[in-house]
Amino acid sequence: MGKAKKKSKGRVHKLPKTKCCASKSRCGRCPIRMLKEGTLPEGYTVKKRVLVRADGKKATKKGLQKAA
């Protein structure tokens, strides 16, 4: 018998990295690129190549998952 594939529920949003890797071509999860495109989660911004919350606190992966 074949294995059944699970279908995903809706489109999964890419979460940004917490720090930019400074790649010249900008990877798909680069916070700088996402900020420019407007795809960064609400309440987040980038300062000195590091993803931070708009209120100035550090951005955590757990907090990003809740925001996305």
PDB file of N, CA and C in Angstrom:
ATOM      1  N   MET A   1       0.826  -1.181   0.000  1.00  0.00           N
ATOM      2  CA  MET A   1       0.000   0.000   0.000  1.00  0.00           C
ATOM      3  C   MET A   1       0.876   1.252   0.000  1.00  0.00           C
ATOM      4  N   GLY A   2       0.445   2.294  -0.696  1.00  0.00           N
ATOM      5  CA  GLY A   2       1.213   3.532  -0.776  1.00  0.00           C
ATOM      6  C   GLY A   2       0.968   4.417   0.438  1.00  0.00           C
ATOM      7  N   LYS A   3       1.895   5.281   0.695  1.00  0.00           N
ATOM      8  CA  LYS A   3       1.761   6.209   1.823  1.00  0.00           C
ATOM      9  C   LYS A   3       0.931   7.409   1.387  1.00  0.00           C
ATOM     10  N   ALA A   4       0.042   7.833   2.238  1.00  0.00           N
ATOM     11  CA  ALA A   4      -0.788   9.009   1.942  1.00  0.00           C
ATOM     12  C   ALA A   4      -0.019  10.274   2.307  1.00  0.00           C
ATOM     13  N   LYS A   5      -0.084  11.268   1.428  1.00  0.00           N
ATOM     14  CA  LYS A   5       0.587  12.535   1.697  1.00  0.00           C
ATOM     15  C   LYS A   5      -0.369  13.472   2.405  1.00  0.00           C
ATOM     16  N   LYS A   6       0.142  14.183   3.396  1.00  0.00           N
ATOM     17  CA  LYS A   6      -0.676  15.160   4.108  1.00  0.00           C
ATOM     18  C   LYS A   6      -0.673  16.470   3.332  1.00  0.00           C
ATOM     19  N   LYS A   7      -1.835  17.077   3.231  1.00  0.00           N
ATOM     20  CA  LYS A   7      -1.923  18.363   2.554  1.00  0.00           C
ATOM     21  C   LYS A   7      -1.745  19.465   3.581  1.00  0.00           C
ATOM     22  N   SER A   8      -0.988  20.486   3.206  1.00  0.00           N
ATOM     23  CA  SER A   8      -0.739  21.591   4.130  1.00  0.00           C
ATOM     24  C   SER A   8      -1.962  22.501   4.174  1.00  0.00           C
ATOM     25  N   LYS A   9      -2.164  23.093   5.307  1.00  0.00           N
ATOM     26  CA  LYS A   9      -3.298  24.003   5.491  1.00  0.00           C
ATOM     27  C   LYS A   9      -2.869  25.416   5.144  1.00  0.00           C
ATOM     28  N   GLY A  10      -3.213  25.895   3.970  1.00  0.00           N
ATOM     29  CA  GLY A  10      -2.878  27.264   3.579  1.00  0.00           C
ATOM     30  C   GLY A  10      -1.410  27.435   3.260  1.00  0.00           C
ATOM     31  N   ARG A  11      -1.013  28.666   3.015  1.00  0.00           N
ATOM     32  CA  ARG A  11       0.367  28.987   2.664  1.00  0.00           C
ATOM     33  C   ARG A  11       1.169  29.226   3.939  1.00  0.00           C
ATOM     34  N   VAL A  12       2.313  28.578   4.034  1.00  0.00           N
ATOM     35  CA  VAL A  12       3.196  28.754   5.183  1.00  0.00           C
ATOM     36  C   VAL A  12       4.098  29.953   4.901  1.00  0.00           C
ATOM     37  N   HIS A  13       4.114  30.910   5.805  1.00  0.00           N
ATOM     38  CA  HIS A  13       4.941  32.093   5.637  1.00  0.00           C
ATOM     39  C   HIS A  13       6.369  31.780   6.052  1.00  0.00           C
ATOM     40  N   LYS A  14       7.315  32.295   5.282  1.00  0.00           N
ATOM     41  CA  LYS A  14       8.718  32.132   5.646  1.00  0.00           C
ATOM     42  C   LYS A  14       9.023  33.086   6.783  1.00  0.00           C
ATOM     43  N   LEU A  15       9.645  32.575   7.811  1.00  0.00           N
ATOM     44  CA  LEU A  15      10.046  33.412   8.931  1.00  0.00           C
ATOM     45  C   LEU A  15      11.418  33.995   8.644  1.00  0.00           C
ATOM     46  N   PRO A  16      11.628  35.248   9.003  1.00  0.00           N
ATOM     47  CA  PRO A  16      12.945  35.853   8.758  1.00  0.00           C
ATOM     48  C   PRO A  16      13.992  35.312   9.726  1.00  0.00           C
ATOM     49  N   LYS A  17      15.244  35.379   9.314  1.00  0.00           N
ATOM     50  CA  LYS A  17      16.349  35.032  10.209  1.00  0.00           C
ATOM     51  C   LYS A  17      16.445  36.123  11.265  1.00  0.00           C
ATOM     52  N   THR A  18      17.035  35.815  12.408  1.00  0.00           N
ATOM     53  CA  THR A  18      17.170  36.819  13.464  1.00  0.00           C
ATOM     54  C   THR A  18      18.345  37.748  13.199  1.00  0.00           C
ATOM     55  N   LYS A  19      19.290  37.335  12.333  1.00  0.00           N
ATOM     56  CA  LYS A  19      20.428  38.184  11.983  1.00  0.00           C
ATOM     57  C   LYS A  19      20.750  37.986  10.509  1.00  0.00           C
ATOM     58  N   CYS A  20      21.043  39.065   9.815  1.00  0.00           N
ATOM     59  CA  CYS A  20      21.378  39.010   8.395  1.00  0.00           C
ATOM     60  C   CYS A  20      22.757  38.377   8.225  1.00  0.00           C
ATOM     61  N   CYS A  21      22.885  37.513   7.224  1.00  0.00           N
ATOM     62  CA  CYS A  21      24.175  36.858   6.979  1.00  0.00           C
ATOM     63  C   CYS A  21      25.090  37.720   6.108  1.00  0.00           C
ATOM     64  N   ALA A  22      24.637  38.891   5.690  1.00  0.00           N
ATOM     65  CA  ALA A  22      25.397  39.858   4.890  1.00  0.00           C
ATOM     66  C   ALA A  22      25.768  39.330   3.515  1.00  0.00           C
ATOM     67  N   SER A  23      25.011  38.367   3.005  1.00  0.00           N
ATOM     68  CA  SER A  23      25.223  37.867   1.653  1.00  0.00           C
ATOM     69  C   SER A  23      24.825  38.951   0.663  1.00  0.00           C
ATOM     70  N   LYS A  24      25.624  39.163  -0.348  1.00  0.00           N
ATOM     71  CA  LYS A  24      25.368  40.226  -1.320  1.00  0.00           C
ATOM     72  C   LYS A  24      24.068  39.962  -2.098  1.00  0.00           C
ATOM     73  N   SER A  25      23.770  38.695  -2.378  1.00  0.00           N
ATOM     74  CA  SER A  25      22.580  38.360  -3.160  1.00  0.00           C
ATOM     75  C   SER A  25      21.303  38.315  -2.313  1.00  0.00           C
ATOM     76  N   ARG A  26      21.405  38.380  -0.997  1.00  0.00           N
ATOM     77  CA  ARG A  26      20.291  38.352  -0.053  1.00  0.00           C
ATOM     78  C   ARG A  26      19.475  37.050  -0.163  1.00  0.00           C
ATOM     79  N   CYS A  27      19.570  36.232   0.849  1.00  0.00           N
ATOM     80  CA  CYS A  27      18.866  34.953   0.861  1.00  0.00           C
ATOM     81  C   CYS A  27      17.352  35.168   0.970  1.00  0.00           C
ATOM     82  N   GLY A  28      16.591  34.117   0.843  1.00  0.00           N
ATOM     83  CA  GLY A  28      15.133  34.200   0.861  1.00  0.00           C
ATOM     84  C   GLY A  28      14.548  34.608   2.197  1.00  0.00           C
ATOM     85  N   ARG A  29      15.270  34.393   3.282  1.00  0.00           N
ATOM     86  CA  ARG A  29      14.764  34.720   4.610  1.00  0.00           C
ATOM     87  C   ARG A  29      15.456  35.929   5.219  1.00  0.00           C
ATOM     88  N   CYS A  30      16.179  36.691   4.413  1.00  0.00           N
ATOM     89  CA  CYS A  30      16.941  37.842   4.904  1.00  0.00           C
ATOM     90  C   CYS A  30      15.989  38.902   5.480  1.00  0.00           C
ATOM     91  N   PRO A  31      16.201  39.332   6.728  1.00  0.00           N
ATOM     92  CA  PRO A  31      15.317  40.336   7.313  1.00  0.00           C
ATOM     93  C   PRO A  31      15.371  41.673   6.587  1.00  0.00           C
ATOM     94  N   ILE A  32      16.523  42.020   6.009  1.00  0.00           N
ATOM     95  CA  ILE A  32      16.645  43.285   5.273  1.00  0.00           C
ATOM     96  C   ILE A  32      15.785  43.236   4.010  1.00  0.00           C
ATOM     97  N   ARG A  33      15.855  42.119   3.278  1.00  0.00           N
ATOM     98  CA  ARG A  33      15.066  41.963   2.063  1.00  0.00           C
ATOM     99  C   ARG A  33      13.571  41.940   2.386  1.00  0.00           C
ATOM    100  N   MET A  34      13.206  41.222   3.452  1.00  0.00           N
ATOM    101  CA  MET A  34      11.796  41.128   3.836  1.00  0.00           C
ATOM    102  C   MET A  34      11.250  42.480   4.278  1.00  0.00           C
ATOM    103  N   LEU A  35      12.074  43.290   4.932  1.00  0.00           N
ATOM    104  CA  LEU A  35      11.663  44.635   5.334  1.00  0.00           C
ATOM    105  C   LEU A  35      11.384  45.497   4.112  1.00  0.00           C
ATOM    106  N   LYS A  36      12.266  45.406   3.120  1.00  0.00           N
ATOM    107  CA  LYS A  36      12.110  46.191   1.895  1.00  0.00           C
ATOM    108  C   LYS A  36      10.865  45.773   1.121  1.00  0.00           C
ATOM    109  N   GLU A  37      10.590  44.464   1.063  1.00  0.00           N
ATOM    110  CA  GLU A  37       9.432  43.953   0.336  1.00  0.00           C
ATOM    111  C   GLU A  37       8.134  44.138   1.109  1.00  0.00           C
ATOM    112  N   GLY A  38       8.242  44.360   2.413  1.00  0.00           N
ATOM    113  CA  GLY A  38       7.041  44.504   3.237  1.00  0.00           C
ATOM    114  C   GLY A  38       6.476  43.180   3.720  1.00  0.00           C
ATOM    115  N   THR A  39       7.271  42.115   3.684  1.00  0.00           N
ATOM    116  CA  THR A  39       6.809  40.799   4.120  1.00  0.00           C
ATOM    117  C   THR A  39       7.259  40.453   5.529  1.00  0.00           C
ATOM    118  N   LEU A  40       7.884  41.395   6.212  1.00  0.00           N
ATOM    119  CA  LEU A  40       8.309  41.180   7.593  1.00  0.00           C
ATOM    120  C   LEU A  40       7.057  41.152   8.473  1.00  0.00           C
ATOM    121  N   PRO A  41       6.983  40.258   9.479  1.00  0.00           N
ATOM    122  CA  PRO A  41       5.795  40.204  10.338  1.00  0.00           C
ATOM    123  C   PRO A  41       5.521  41.551  11.016  1.00  0.00           C
ATOM    124  N   GLU A  42       4.264  41.814  11.300  1.00  0.00           N
ATOM    125  CA  GLU A  42       3.844  43.062  11.937  1.00  0.00           C
ATOM    126  C   GLU A  42       4.518  43.218  13.298  1.00  0.00           C
ATOM    127  N   GLY A  43       5.038  44.409  13.558  1.00  0.00           N
ATOM    128  CA  GLY A  43       5.658  44.691  14.845  1.00  0.00           C
ATOM    129  C   GLY A  43       7.151  44.399  14.903  1.00  0.00           C
ATOM    130  N   TYR A  44       7.772  44.111  13.751  1.00  0.00           N
ATOM    131  CA  TYR A  44       9.199  43.822  13.714  1.00  0.00           C
ATOM    132  C   TYR A  44       9.893  44.788  12.766  1.00  0.00           C
ATOM    133  N   THR A  45      11.160  45.078  13.034  1.00  0.00           N
ATOM    134  CA  THR A  45      11.978  45.931  12.184  1.00  0.00           C
ATOM    135  C   THR A  45      13.412  45.431  12.230  1.00  0.00           C
ATOM    136  N   VAL A  46      14.287  46.047  11.438  1.00  0.00           N
ATOM    137  CA  VAL A  46      15.688  45.643  11.379  1.00  0.00           C
ATOM    138  C   VAL A  46      16.564  46.821  11.753  1.00  0.00           C
ATOM    139  N   LYS A  47      17.472  46.596  12.698  1.00  0.00           N
ATOM    140  CA  LYS A  47      18.429  47.619  13.104  1.00  0.00           C
ATOM    141  C   LYS A  47      19.811  46.988  13.140  1.00  0.00           C
ATOM    142  N   LYS A  48      20.748  47.589  12.420  1.00  0.00           N
ATOM    143  CA  LYS A  48      22.129  47.094  12.354  1.00  0.00           C
ATOM    144  C   LYS A  48      22.187  45.615  11.963  1.00  0.00           C
ATOM    145  N   ARG A  49      21.426  45.253  10.914  1.00  0.00           N
ATOM    146  CA  ARG A  49      21.353  43.900  10.359  1.00  0.00           C
ATOM    147  C   ARG A  49      20.792  42.863  11.323  1.00  0.00           C
ATOM    148  N   VAL A  50      20.173  43.273  12.428  1.00  0.00           N
ATOM    149  CA  VAL A  50      19.598  42.351  13.397  1.00  0.00           C
ATOM    150  C   VAL A  50      18.102  42.614  13.488  1.00  0.00           C
ATOM    151  N   LEU A  51      17.315  41.544  13.475  1.00  0.00           N
ATOM    152  CA  LEU A  51      15.868  41.649  13.591  1.00  0.00           C
ATOM    153  C   LEU A  51      15.498  41.997  15.028  1.00  0.00           C
ATOM    154  N   VAL A  52      14.709  43.049  15.232  1.00  0.00           N
ATOM    155  CA  VAL A  52      14.260  43.453  16.565  1.00  0.00           C
ATOM    156  C   VAL A  52      12.765  43.739  16.516  1.00  0.00           C
ATOM    157  N   ARG A  53      12.139  43.713  17.683  1.00  0.00           N
ATOM    158  CA  ARG A  53      10.735  44.089  17.755  1.00  0.00           C
ATOM    159  C   ARG A  53      10.637  45.602  17.697  1.00  0.00           C
ATOM    160  N   ALA A  54       9.487  46.101  17.297  1.00  0.00           N
ATOM    161  CA  ALA A  54       9.299  47.541  17.144  1.00  0.00           C
ATOM    162  C   ALA A  54       9.448  48.272  18.473  1.00  0.00           C
ATOM    163  N   ASP A  55       9.170  47.593  19.593  1.00  0.00           N
ATOM    164  CA  ASP A  55       9.317  48.235  20.905  1.00  0.00           C
ATOM    165  C   ASP A  55      10.764  48.215  21.407  1.00  0.00           C
ATOM    166  N   GLY A  56      11.700  47.657  20.601  1.00  0.00           N
ATOM    167  CA  GLY A  56      13.121  47.694  20.942  1.00  0.00           C
ATOM    168  C   GLY A  56      13.660  46.448  21.604  1.00  0.00           C
ATOM    169  N   LYS A  57      12.796  45.481  21.942  1.00  0.00           N
ATOM    170  CA  LYS A  57      13.261  44.254  22.581  1.00  0.00           C
ATOM    171  C   LYS A  57      13.800  43.286  21.542  1.00  0.00           C
ATOM    172  N   LYS A  58      14.548  42.268  21.999  1.00  0.00           N
ATOM    173  CA  LYS A  58      15.101  41.268  21.098  1.00  0.00           C
ATOM    174  C   LYS A  58      13.988  40.429  20.487  1.00  0.00           C
ATOM    175  N   ALA A  59      14.191  40.027  19.249  1.00  0.00           N
ATOM    176  CA  ALA A  59      13.257  39.143  18.578  1.00  0.00           C
ATOM    177  C   ALA A  59      13.659  37.696  18.840  1.00  0.00           C
ATOM    178  N   THR A  60      12.704  36.857  19.218  1.00  0.00           N
ATOM    179  CA  THR A  60      12.973  35.451  19.462  1.00  0.00           C
ATOM    180  C   THR A  60      12.249  34.614  18.429  1.00  0.00           C
ATOM    181  N   LYS A  61      12.739  33.411  18.188  1.00  0.00           N
ATOM    182  CA  LYS A  61      12.107  32.521  17.214  1.00  0.00           C
ATOM    183  C   LYS A  61      10.688  32.168  17.649  1.00  0.00           C
ATOM    184  N   LYS A  62      10.499  31.982  18.941  1.00  0.00           N
ATOM    185  CA  LYS A  62       9.186  31.626  19.458  1.00  0.00           C
ATOM    186  C   LYS A  62       8.188  32.790  19.236  1.00  0.00           C
ATOM    187  N   GLY A  63       8.643  33.992  19.455  1.00  0.00           N
ATOM    188  CA  GLY A  63       7.805  35.168  19.232  1.00  0.00           C
ATOM    189  C   GLY A  63       7.486  35.374  17.763  1.00  0.00           C
ATOM    190  N   LEU A  64       8.440  35.052  16.903  1.00  0.00           N
ATOM    191  CA  LEU A  64       8.237  35.174  15.454  1.00  0.00           C
ATOM    192  C   LEU A  64       7.159  34.208  14.977  1.00  0.00           C
ATOM    193  N   GLN A  65       7.166  32.986  15.499  1.00  0.00           N
ATOM    194  CA  GLN A  65       6.179  32.009  15.090  1.00  0.00           C
ATOM    195  C   GLN A  65       4.775  32.448  15.472  1.00  0.00           C
ATOM    196  N   LYS A  66       4.634  33.101  16.610  1.00  0.00           N
ATOM    197  CA  LYS A  66       3.326  33.601  17.038  1.00  0.00           C
ATOM    198  C   LYS A  66       2.870  34.756  16.162  1.00  0.00           C
ATOM    199  N   ALA A  67       3.808  35.604  15.732  1.00  0.00           N
ATOM    200  CA  ALA A  67       3.482  36.796  14.932  1.00  0.00           C
ATOM    201  C   ALA A  67       3.124  36.422  13.504  1.00  0.00           C
ATOM    202  N   ALA A  68       3.701  35.342  12.997  1.00  0.00           N
ATOM    203  CA  ALA A  68       3.480  34.971  11.585  1.00  0.00           C
ATOM    204  C   ALA A  68       2.202  34.222  11.365  1.00  0.00           C
TER     205      ALA A  68
END
